[in-house]
Structures are given as C-alpha cells and as structure tokens.
N, C-alpha and C. Protein backbone atom coordinates (compact mmCIF):
# COMPACT_ATOMS: atom_id res chain seq x y z
N MET A 1 0.95 -1.32 0.14
CA MET A 1 -0.20 -0.42 0.33
C MET A 1 0.68 1.28 0.52
N THR A 2 1.12 2.09 -1.08
CA THR A 2 1.39 3.02 -0.65
C THR A 2 0.09 4.38 -0.62
N THR A 3 1.43 5.64 0.17
CA THR A 3 0.69 6.72 0.36
C THR A 3 1.16 7.41 0.28
N PRO A 4 0.86 8.62 0.23
CA PRO A 4 1.13 10.04 -0.49
C PRO A 4 2.53 10.65 -0.16
N SER A 5 2.91 9.80 0.96
CA SER A 5 4.41 10.88 1.81
C SER A 5 5.19 9.11 1.47
N SER A 6 5.17 8.01 0.58
CA SER A 6 5.78 6.73 1.08
C SER A 6 6.32 6.58 -0.83
N SER A 7 4.98 7.12 -1.56
CA SER A 7 5.27 7.09 -2.84
C SER A 7 6.34 7.87 -2.94
N ARG A 8 6.35 9.36 -2.46
CA ARG A 8 7.59 10.22 -3.00
C ARG A 8 9.16 9.74 -2.45
N ARG A 9 8.73 8.97 -1.22
CA ARG A 9 9.74 8.61 -0.61
C ARG A 9 10.63 7.94 -1.37
N HIS A 10 9.77 6.80 -2.25
CA HIS A 10 10.39 6.03 -3.09
C HIS A 10 10.70 6.32 -4.19
N GLY A 11 10.57 7.66 -5.40
CA GLY A 11 10.56 7.91 -6.49
C GLY A 11 8.91 8.06 -6.53
N ASP A 12 8.43 7.89 -6.21
CA ASP A 12 6.69 7.48 -7.18
C ASP A 12 6.09 8.23 -7.81
N ARG A 13 6.20 9.18 -9.16
CA ARG A 13 5.68 10.34 -8.89
C ARG A 13 4.35 10.74 -9.87
N SER A 14 3.88 9.35 -9.90
CA SER A 14 2.53 9.27 -10.84
C SER A 14 1.06 9.58 -9.68
N ALA A 15 1.83 8.81 -7.97
CA ALA A 15 0.69 9.44 -6.56
C ALA A 15 0.88 10.72 -6.84
N PRO A 16 -0.90 11.10 -7.11
CA PRO A 16 -0.70 13.28 -6.57
C PRO A 16 -0.29 13.04 -5.19
N SER A 17 -0.12 14.06 -4.78
CA SER A 17 0.49 14.82 -3.35
C SER A 17 -1.26 15.24 -2.53
N LEU A 18 -0.77 15.46 -1.44
CA LEU A 18 -1.90 15.66 -0.85
C LEU A 18 -2.01 17.71 -1.07
N SER A 19 -0.99 18.31 -1.85
CA SER A 19 -0.65 19.80 -1.48
C SER A 19 -0.62 19.89 -3.00
N THR A 20 -1.12 19.28 -4.37
CA THR A 20 -1.14 19.16 -5.38
C THR A 20 -2.46 18.96 -5.44
N ASN A 21 -3.58 18.01 -4.68
CA ASN A 21 -4.65 17.62 -5.35
C ASN A 21 -5.48 18.71 -4.84
N ASN A 22 -6.39 18.68 -6.18
CA ASN A 22 -6.81 19.70 -6.28
C ASN A 22 -8.30 19.73 -6.71
N HIS A 23 -8.89 18.71 -6.06
CA HIS A 23 -10.21 18.33 -5.70
C HIS A 23 -11.13 19.38 -4.64
N THR A 24 -12.76 19.08 -5.64
CA THR A 24 -13.02 20.27 -4.70
C THR A 24 -13.89 19.04 -4.05
N ILE A 25 -14.76 19.95 -2.39
CA ILE A 25 -15.45 19.24 -1.92
C ILE A 25 -17.08 19.65 -1.92
N PRO A 26 -17.64 18.73 -2.77
CA PRO A 26 -19.19 19.13 -2.72
C PRO A 26 -19.94 19.73 -1.88
N THR A 27 -20.72 20.76 -2.56
CA THR A 27 -21.72 21.07 -1.19
C THR A 27 -22.99 20.25 -1.35
N LEU A 28 -23.22 19.89 0.24
CA LEU A 28 -24.11 19.41 0.70
C LEU A 28 -25.81 20.62 0.22
N PRO A 29 -26.69 19.36 -0.24
CA PRO A 29 -28.12 19.95 -0.01
C PRO A 29 -28.51 20.71 0.54
N PRO A 30 -29.64 21.44 0.72
CA PRO A 30 -30.14 22.59 1.25
C PRO A 30 -30.71 21.62 1.94
N TYR A 31 -30.93 22.36 3.70
CA TYR A 31 -31.24 21.58 4.58
C TYR A 31 -32.97 21.49 4.00
N GLN A 32 -33.64 20.81 4.53
CA GLN A 32 -35.03 19.97 4.47
C GLN A 32 -35.86 19.39 5.66
N PRO A 33 -36.36 20.15 6.41
CA PRO A 33 -36.65 19.47 8.24
C PRO A 33 -37.81 18.49 7.76
N PRO A 34 -38.14 17.58 8.47
CA PRO A 34 -38.98 16.37 8.72
C PRO A 34 -40.18 17.21 8.00
N ILE A 35 -40.60 16.21 7.58
CA ILE A 35 -42.08 16.94 7.42
C ILE A 35 -42.90 16.78 9.25
N ALA A 36 -43.28 15.00 9.62
CA ALA A 36 -43.43 15.07 10.75
C ALA A 36 -42.81 14.54 11.80
N PRO A 37 -42.33 14.60 12.65
CA PRO A 37 -41.79 14.61 14.12
C PRO A 37 -41.60 12.56 13.82
N LEU A 38 -40.68 12.16 14.71
CA LEU A 38 -41.36 10.67 14.55
C LEU A 38 -41.78 10.93 15.82
N ASN A 39 -42.39 9.54 15.87
CA ASN A 39 -43.11 9.35 16.80
C ASN A 39 -42.48 8.19 18.18
N ASP A 40 -43.06 7.33 19.14
CA ASP A 40 -42.12 7.29 20.49
C ASP A 40 -41.88 5.38 19.48
N THR A 41 -42.32 5.24 18.96
CA THR A 41 -41.77 4.04 18.25
C THR A 41 -41.14 4.17 17.22
N GLY A 42 -41.00 5.17 16.24
CA GLY A 42 -39.69 5.75 15.02
C GLY A 42 -38.07 5.47 16.22
N LYS A 43 -38.57 6.15 17.37
CA LYS A 43 -37.66 7.43 18.24
C LYS A 43 -36.52 5.47 18.81
N ARG A 44 -37.22 5.18 19.28
CA ARG A 44 -36.78 3.34 20.17
C ARG A 44 -36.38 3.20 19.05
N ALA A 45 -37.12 2.56 17.52
CA ALA A 45 -36.32 1.46 17.03
C ALA A 45 -34.89 2.40 16.46
N LEU A 46 -34.36 3.68 16.29
CA LEU A 46 -33.34 4.53 16.16
C LEU A 46 -32.45 4.09 17.14
N ALA A 47 -32.86 4.64 18.27
CA ALA A 47 -32.07 3.85 19.33
C ALA A 47 -31.53 2.75 19.14
N SER A 48 -32.48 1.52 18.85
CA SER A 48 -32.31 0.01 19.38
C SER A 48 -31.56 -0.31 17.94
N ILE A 49 -31.36 0.52 17.05
CA ILE A 49 -29.76 0.60 15.71
C ILE A 49 -28.74 0.72 16.94
N LEU A 50 -28.47 2.13 17.57
CA LEU A 50 -27.88 2.51 17.62
C LEU A 50 -27.34 1.72 19.43
N GLU A 51 -27.82 1.84 19.90
CA GLU A 51 -26.96 0.75 21.16
C GLU A 51 -27.61 -1.07 20.39
N GLY A 52 -27.45 -1.49 19.38
CA GLY A 52 -27.86 -2.96 19.19
C GLY A 52 -26.33 -3.78 19.68
N THR A 53 -26.82 -4.53 18.53
CA THR A 53 -25.03 -5.88 18.92
C THR A 53 -24.18 -5.20 18.34
N SER A 54 -24.34 -5.87 17.28
CA SER A 54 -24.03 -5.75 15.84
C SER A 54 -22.99 -4.30 15.57
N GLN A 55 -23.41 -2.99 16.19
CA GLN A 55 -22.47 -1.46 16.50
C GLN A 55 -21.93 -1.55 17.01
N ARG A 56 -22.26 -2.24 18.80
CA ARG A 56 -21.24 -2.25 19.83
C ARG A 56 -20.55 -3.97 19.50
N HIS A 57 -20.77 -4.68 18.22
CA HIS A 57 -19.70 -5.32 18.13
C HIS A 57 -18.56 -4.46 16.76
N LEU A 58 -19.14 -3.77 16.54
CA LEU A 58 -18.78 -2.89 14.95
C LEU A 58 -17.02 -1.99 16.53
N LYS A 59 -17.89 -1.23 17.26
CA LYS A 59 -17.10 -0.81 17.89
C LYS A 59 -15.51 -1.26 18.45
N HIS A 60 -16.39 -2.31 19.09
CA HIS A 60 -15.26 -3.07 19.81
C HIS A 60 -14.08 -4.36 18.64
N HIS A 61 -14.30 -4.30 17.15
CA HIS A 61 -13.38 -4.84 16.53
C HIS A 61 -12.44 -3.74 16.40
N LEU A 62 -13.37 -2.73 15.68
CA LEU A 62 -12.69 -1.56 15.39
C LEU A 62 -11.55 -1.07 16.14
N GLN A 63 -11.95 -1.24 17.65
CA GLN A 63 -11.24 -1.10 18.98
C GLN A 63 -8.98 -1.93 18.23
N HIS A 64 -9.37 -3.72 18.43
CA HIS A 64 -8.99 -4.56 18.99
C HIS A 64 -7.94 -4.09 17.44
N ALA A 65 -8.39 -4.19 16.52
CA ALA A 65 -8.02 -3.54 14.46
C ALA A 65 -7.32 -2.56 15.30
N ALA A 66 -7.37 -1.46 15.96
CA ALA A 66 -6.25 -0.13 15.79
C ALA A 66 -5.74 -0.62 16.59
N GLU A 67 -6.27 -1.22 17.63
CA GLU A 67 -4.41 -2.00 18.98
C GLU A 67 -3.75 -2.59 18.40
N LYS A 68 -3.76 -3.82 17.49
CA LYS A 68 -2.93 -4.36 16.96
C LYS A 68 -2.69 -3.43 15.29
N LEU A 69 -2.91 -2.42 15.03
CA LEU A 69 -1.84 -2.17 13.96
C LEU A 69 -1.27 -0.97 14.64
N THR A 70 -1.16 -0.71 16.36
CA THR A 70 -0.55 0.44 17.18
C THR A 70 0.64 -0.46 16.83
N ASP A 71 0.60 -1.53 17.01
CA ASP A 71 1.64 -2.80 18.29
C ASP A 71 2.11 -2.99 17.14
N SER A 72 1.66 -3.60 16.05
CA SER A 72 2.56 -3.98 14.67
C SER A 72 3.72 -3.18 14.55
N ALA A 73 3.16 -1.90 14.31
CA ALA A 73 3.71 -0.61 13.00
C ALA A 73 5.15 -0.40 14.52
N GLY A 74 4.74 -0.65 15.79
CA GLY A 74 5.94 -0.65 17.24
C GLY A 74 6.86 -1.72 16.40
N GLU A 75 6.00 -2.47 16.43
CA GLU A 75 7.45 -4.21 16.03
C GLU A 75 7.77 -3.92 14.89
N VAL A 76 7.74 -3.44 13.97
CA VAL A 76 8.70 -2.92 12.66
C VAL A 76 9.50 -1.81 13.09
N ASN A 77 8.85 -0.90 13.58
CA ASN A 77 10.09 0.54 14.25
C ASN A 77 10.91 -0.37 14.74
N GLU A 78 10.76 -1.02 15.50
CA GLU A 78 11.87 -2.10 16.98
C GLU A 78 12.90 -2.87 15.93
N ARG A 79 12.51 -3.45 15.10
CA ARG A 79 12.98 -4.13 13.94
C ARG A 79 14.23 -3.81 13.15
N PHE A 80 13.01 -2.65 12.27
CA PHE A 80 13.68 -1.77 11.61
C PHE A 80 15.36 -1.18 12.14
N THR A 81 15.08 -0.02 13.90
CA THR A 81 15.84 0.38 14.75
C THR A 81 16.94 -0.93 14.68
N ALA A 82 16.73 -1.85 15.26
CA ALA A 82 17.91 -2.91 15.51
C ALA A 82 18.71 -2.89 13.43
N ALA A 83 17.84 -3.25 13.03
CA ALA A 83 18.76 -4.00 11.86
C ALA A 83 19.12 -2.89 11.33
N ARG A 84 19.65 -1.64 11.65
CA ARG A 84 19.95 -0.40 11.23
C ARG A 84 21.31 -0.25 11.72
N VAL A 85 21.50 -0.58 13.08
CA VAL A 85 22.05 -0.16 14.50
C VAL A 85 23.07 -1.59 13.71
N LYS A 86 22.62 -2.74 13.52
CA LYS A 86 23.58 -4.32 12.94
C LYS A 86 24.52 -3.47 11.85
N PHE A 87 23.65 -3.16 11.15
CA PHE A 87 24.37 -2.55 9.83
C PHE A 87 25.53 -1.65 9.91
N GLU A 88 25.55 -0.68 10.80
CA GLU A 88 26.25 0.82 11.57
C GLU A 88 27.83 -0.03 11.63
N ARG A 89 26.90 -0.99 12.64
CA ARG A 89 28.60 -1.38 13.45
C ARG A 89 29.29 -2.42 12.22
N ARG A 90 28.40 -3.03 12.20
CA ARG A 90 28.70 -3.20 11.00
C ARG A 90 29.98 -3.34 9.55
N VAL A 91 29.51 -1.89 8.89
CA VAL A 91 29.64 -1.13 8.12
C VAL A 91 30.96 -0.16 8.96
N GLU A 92 30.88 0.23 9.42
CA GLU A 92 32.15 0.74 10.86
C GLU A 92 33.32 -0.43 11.42
N LYS A 93 33.16 -1.37 11.44
CA LYS A 93 34.19 -2.73 11.54
C LYS A 93 34.90 -3.02 10.52
N GLN A 94 33.92 -2.98 8.65
CA GLN A 94 34.77 -3.45 8.03
C GLN A 94 35.31 -2.22 7.65
N ARG A 95 35.18 -1.15 7.95
CA ARG A 95 35.96 0.39 8.22
C ARG A 95 37.33 0.53 8.28
N ALA A 96 36.79 0.15 9.29
CA ALA A 96 38.07 -0.08 10.78
C ALA A 96 38.88 -0.83 9.83
N LEU A 97 38.36 -2.35 9.35
CA LEU A 97 39.94 -3.33 9.32
C LEU A 97 40.24 -2.29 7.67
N GLU A 98 40.19 -1.61 6.69
CA GLU A 98 40.41 -1.14 5.47
C GLU A 98 41.01 -0.45 6.13
N ARG A 99 41.01 0.36 7.27
CA ARG A 99 41.94 1.63 7.25
C ARG A 99 43.53 0.84 7.81
N GLU A 100 43.14 -0.52 8.48
CA GLU A 100 44.41 -1.42 9.14
C GLU A 100 44.72 -1.75 7.64
N GLY A 101 44.50 -1.46 6.51
CA GLY A 101 44.99 -3.02 5.44
C GLY A 101 44.62 -4.44 5.41
N LYS A 102 43.25 -4.40 6.16
CA LYS A 102 43.34 -6.00 6.34
C LYS A 102 41.47 -5.94 5.60
N GLU A 103 41.59 -6.62 4.62
CA GLU A 103 40.34 -7.45 4.14
C GLU A 103 39.82 -8.63 4.41
N GLU A 104 38.62 -8.87 5.24
CA GLU A 104 38.26 -9.52 5.45
C GLU A 104 36.42 -10.02 4.75
N GLU A 105 36.68 -10.88 4.44
CA GLU A 105 35.19 -10.93 4.48
C GLU A 105 33.79 -11.11 5.45
N TRP A 106 33.55 -10.36 5.91
CA TRP A 106 32.08 -10.69 6.90
C TRP A 106 31.18 -11.03 6.87
N ASP A 107 29.84 -12.06 7.13
CA ASP A 107 28.88 -12.69 7.12
C ASP A 107 28.24 -12.21 7.72
N GLU A 108 26.59 -12.00 7.96
CA GLU A 108 25.27 -11.33 7.94
C GLU A 108 26.18 -10.70 9.80
N ASP A 109 26.21 -11.77 10.49
CA ASP A 109 26.78 -11.32 11.97
C ASP A 109 27.63 -10.41 12.21
N GLY A 110 28.26 -10.08 11.14
CA GLY A 110 30.00 -9.25 11.22
C GLY A 110 31.34 -10.09 12.00
N GLU A 111 31.09 -11.30 11.45
CA GLU A 111 31.97 -12.63 12.15
C GLU A 111 32.83 -12.79 10.80
N ARG A 112 33.68 -12.72 10.74
CA ARG A 112 34.74 -13.20 9.78
C ARG A 112 34.17 -14.94 9.60
N SER A 113 33.94 -15.18 8.67
CA SER A 113 33.53 -16.25 7.66
C SER A 113 34.92 -17.09 8.32
N LYS A 114 34.51 -17.82 8.70
CA LYS A 114 36.29 -19.24 9.27
C LYS A 114 35.34 -19.85 8.26
N VAL A 115 34.28 -20.20 7.63
CA VAL A 115 34.64 -21.64 6.30
C VAL A 115 35.38 -20.92 5.43
N GLU A 116 34.94 -19.79 4.76
CA GLU A 116 35.31 -19.12 3.65
C GLU A 116 37.51 -19.12 4.46
N LYS A 117 38.18 -18.84 4.90
CA LYS A 117 39.10 -18.46 5.22
C LYS A 117 39.90 -20.56 5.75
N MET A 118 39.39 -20.91 5.91
CA MET A 118 39.67 -22.18 5.81
C MET A 118 40.14 -22.73 4.60
N GLU A 119 39.01 -22.45 3.59
CA GLU A 119 38.96 -23.04 1.74
C GLU A 119 40.12 -22.57 1.41
N ARG A 120 40.51 -20.55 1.95
CA ARG A 120 41.47 -20.42 0.87
C ARG A 120 42.82 -21.07 1.23
N GLU A 121 43.20 -21.91 2.73
CA GLU A 121 44.23 -22.05 2.90
C GLU A 121 44.13 -23.51 3.20
C-alpha cells in the first residue's frame, strides 16, 4: 500500500500528493426539515439500532484492530532500528579493517567467515 508520503520517498511521481490535489469538496444540499416528527416507536427503533449488538461488536472490532495496528507498527519500527544499528556496526568494523589494510569477508553477524578462511588455506 502506498501513501502520498511513501510514494514520494520511493520516487513514485505518478501518485498525487496532498498539496497538489485540487479536488473540490462537493456542496451539501440545502437542509430540509422532516415533514413530521418521529413518534415514540420511531425514536425507539433508531435508539435500538444505535445500541444494537452489531454496533457494539463493530466498535469493539475497530478498537481491537487499531490496537493491533499500533502494536505492529511499533514492532516494525523496533526491528528496523535494530537492523540499522547492526548494519552501522558492521560498516564501521569493515571501515576499521580497511584502515588497517586488512580486507576480510564478513557474514551477516559481522563475524569473519571461518569457512571461507579455511577454504583459502
């Protein structure tokens, strides 16, 4: 799913941005008062719709989904931060080795690949 901000980050210029979106908001029709007020039966029917189990179930479901979405976004952010820190450490180790004149291959954990060293011998 792309959002206007993520599409700009990734260089997708085909998606419209929020600032250049020139859509007009449609106007509402003029207010028309009800022909006759609701009777007590009609008022109870409307109240039962608003207080019904399906409405409560939907509200609960949306609240649960919002909580899960927040949790997932937090986990993604934590994993990204950990991966970035790991990458930065690996790059710094590689730069330190290059300064010392040693060029060794590193695996994904930032350790020298022992198997490749044994194969070279």
